[in-house]
Amino acid sequence: MRLWLKDSERRPDPLPARTDARKALLAGSAGWLVALVLVVVFRVELAAAGLGWWLWCAVIGLGLGLAGLAWVQVRRR
């Protein structure tokens, strides 16, 4: 096996794979939404344990997921 090929010996690069990032973004956003609901339900216990910042982590995760979904929608047009 050779580590370096001349340009004349190389095969052409494959075409980029077409993917749909919306499914991944929706799944991730759904996960953050579930986390947000759970954190809101258990916010008193989490705050007592010093984990009150988990609420903002879930809010930011959900917000970034929705922003990513909006960005993908704009790029598809």
C-alpha atoms as a PDB file:
ATOM      1  CA  MET A   1       0.000   0.000   0.000  1.00  0.00           C
ATOM      2  CA  ARG A   2       1.344   3.394  -0.976  1.00  0.00           C
ATOM      3  CA  LEU A   3       0.724   6.499   1.050  1.00  0.00           C
ATOM      4  CA  TRP A   4       1.040   8.954  -1.803  1.00  0.00           C
ATOM      5  CA  LEU A   5      -0.409   8.789  -5.303  1.00  0.00           C
ATOM      6  CA  LYS A   6       0.313  10.973  -8.276  1.00  0.00           C
ATOM      7  CA  ASP A   7      -2.611  13.087  -9.423  1.00  0.00           C
ATOM      8  CA  SER A   8      -2.811  11.058 -12.629  1.00  0.00           C
ATOM      9  CA  GLU A   9      -3.260   7.826 -10.605  1.00  0.00           C
ATOM     10  CA  ARG A  10      -6.033   9.106  -8.339  1.00  0.00           C
ATOM     11  CA  ARG A  11      -9.647   8.204  -8.860  1.00  0.00           C
ATOM     12  CA  PRO A  12     -12.079  11.131  -8.932  1.00  0.00           C
ATOM     13  CA  ASP A  13     -13.575  12.230  -5.635  1.00  0.00           C
ATOM     14  CA  PRO A  14     -17.064  10.848  -4.948  1.00  0.00           C
ATOM     15  CA  LEU A  15     -20.009  13.200  -5.020  1.00  0.00           C
ATOM     16  CA  PRO A  16     -21.092  14.515  -1.601  1.00  0.00           C
ATOM     17  CA  ALA A  17     -23.797  12.454   0.077  1.00  0.00           C
ATOM     18  CA  ARG A  18     -27.186  14.109   0.317  1.00  0.00           C
ATOM     19  CA  THR A  19     -28.368  14.176   3.898  1.00  0.00           C
ATOM     20  CA  ASP A  20     -31.342  15.539   5.762  1.00  0.00           C
ATOM     21  CA  ALA A  21     -30.162  17.294   8.911  1.00  0.00           C
ATOM     22  CA  ARG A  22     -33.738  18.143   9.918  1.00  0.00           C
ATOM     23  CA  LYS A  23     -34.300  14.701  11.440  1.00  0.00           C
ATOM     24  CA  ALA A  24     -31.189  14.943  13.594  1.00  0.00           C
ATOM     25  CA  LEU A  25     -32.049  18.478  14.682  1.00  0.00           C
ATOM     26  CA  LEU A  26     -35.614  17.502  15.530  1.00  0.00           C
ATOM     27  CA  ALA A  27     -34.435  14.498  17.553  1.00  0.00           C
ATOM     28  CA  GLY A  28     -31.905  16.607  19.443  1.00  0.00           C
ATOM     29  CA  SER A  29     -34.416  19.372  20.092  1.00  0.00           C
ATOM     30  CA  ALA A  30     -36.943  16.819  21.345  1.00  0.00           C
ATOM     31  CA  GLY A  31     -34.315  15.475  23.729  1.00  0.00           C
ATOM     32  CA  TRP A  32     -33.617  18.977  25.058  1.00  0.00           C
ATOM     33  CA  LEU A  33     -37.354  19.600  25.424  1.00  0.00           C
ATOM     34  CA  VAL A  34     -37.718  16.435  27.530  1.00  0.00           C
ATOM     35  CA  ALA A  35     -34.711  17.511  29.604  1.00  0.00           C
ATOM     36  CA  LEU A  36     -36.251  20.962  30.090  1.00  0.00           C
ATOM     37  CA  VAL A  37     -39.536  19.503  31.285  1.00  0.00           C
ATOM     38  CA  LEU A  38     -37.739  17.207  33.725  1.00  0.00           C
ATOM     39  CA  VAL A  39     -35.571  20.035  35.044  1.00  0.00           C
ATOM     40  CA  VAL A  40     -38.635  22.241  35.590  1.00  0.00           C
ATOM     41  CA  VAL A  41     -40.400  19.424  37.448  1.00  0.00           C
ATOM     42  CA  PHE A  42     -37.384  18.777  39.706  1.00  0.00           C
ATOM     43  CA  ARG A  43     -36.051  22.351  39.897  1.00  0.00           C
ATOM     44  CA  VAL A  44     -36.314  22.601  43.690  1.00  0.00           C
ATOM     45  CA  GLU A  45     -34.287  19.434  44.265  1.00  0.00           C
ATOM     46  CA  LEU A  46     -31.739  20.425  41.618  1.00  0.00           C
ATOM     47  CA  ALA A  47     -31.337  23.919  43.078  1.00  0.00           C
ATOM     48  CA  ALA A  48     -30.788  22.409  46.539  1.00  0.00           C
ATOM     49  CA  ALA A  49     -28.056  20.198  45.083  1.00  0.00           C
ATOM     50  CA  GLY A  50     -26.380  23.184  43.390  1.00  0.00           C
ATOM     51  CA  LEU A  51     -27.496  22.133  39.919  1.00  0.00           C
ATOM     52  CA  GLY A  52     -29.826  25.023  39.136  1.00  0.00           C
ATOM     53  CA  TRP A  53     -27.758  25.830  36.050  1.00  0.00           C
ATOM     54  CA  TRP A  54     -29.170  22.703  34.362  1.00  0.00           C
ATOM     55  CA  LEU A  55     -32.299  24.719  33.576  1.00  0.00           C
ATOM     56  CA  TRP A  56     -30.326  27.192  31.474  1.00  0.00           C
ATOM     57  CA  CYS A  57     -28.385  24.390  29.856  1.00  0.00           C
ATOM     58  CA  ALA A  58     -31.634  22.809  28.645  1.00  0.00           C
ATOM     59  CA  VAL A  59     -33.041  26.181  27.516  1.00  0.00           C
ATOM     60  CA  ILE A  60     -29.901  26.990  25.531  1.00  0.00           C
ATOM     61  CA  GLY A  61     -29.769  23.487  24.038  1.00  0.00           C
ATOM     62  CA  LEU A  62     -33.369  23.740  22.887  1.00  0.00           C
ATOM     63  CA  GLY A  63     -32.801  27.245  21.540  1.00  0.00           C
ATOM     64  CA  LEU A  64     -29.732  26.205  19.557  1.00  0.00           C
ATOM     65  CA  GLY A  65     -31.579  23.205  18.162  1.00  0.00           C
ATOM     66  CA  LEU A  66     -34.458  25.372  16.983  1.00  0.00           C
ATOM     67  CA  ALA A  67     -32.044  27.929  15.524  1.00  0.00           C
ATOM     68  CA  GLY A  68     -30.259  25.126  13.682  1.00  0.00           C
ATOM     69  CA  LEU A  69     -33.560  23.863  12.336  1.00  0.00           C
ATOM     70  CA  ALA A  70     -34.422  27.353  11.089  1.00  0.00           C
ATOM     71  CA  TRP A  71     -30.983  27.632   9.471  1.00  0.00           C
ATOM     72  CA  VAL A  72     -31.426  24.310   7.661  1.00  0.00           C
ATOM     73  CA  GLN A  73     -34.851  25.392   6.417  1.00  0.00           C
ATOM     74  CA  VAL A  74     -33.417  28.648   5.037  1.00  0.00           C
ATOM     75  CA  ARG A  75     -30.549  26.814   3.320  1.00  0.00           C
ATOM     76  CA  ARG A  76     -32.927  24.336   1.674  1.00  0.00           C
ATOM     77  CA  ARG A  77     -34.676  27.157  -0.224  1.00  0.00           C
END
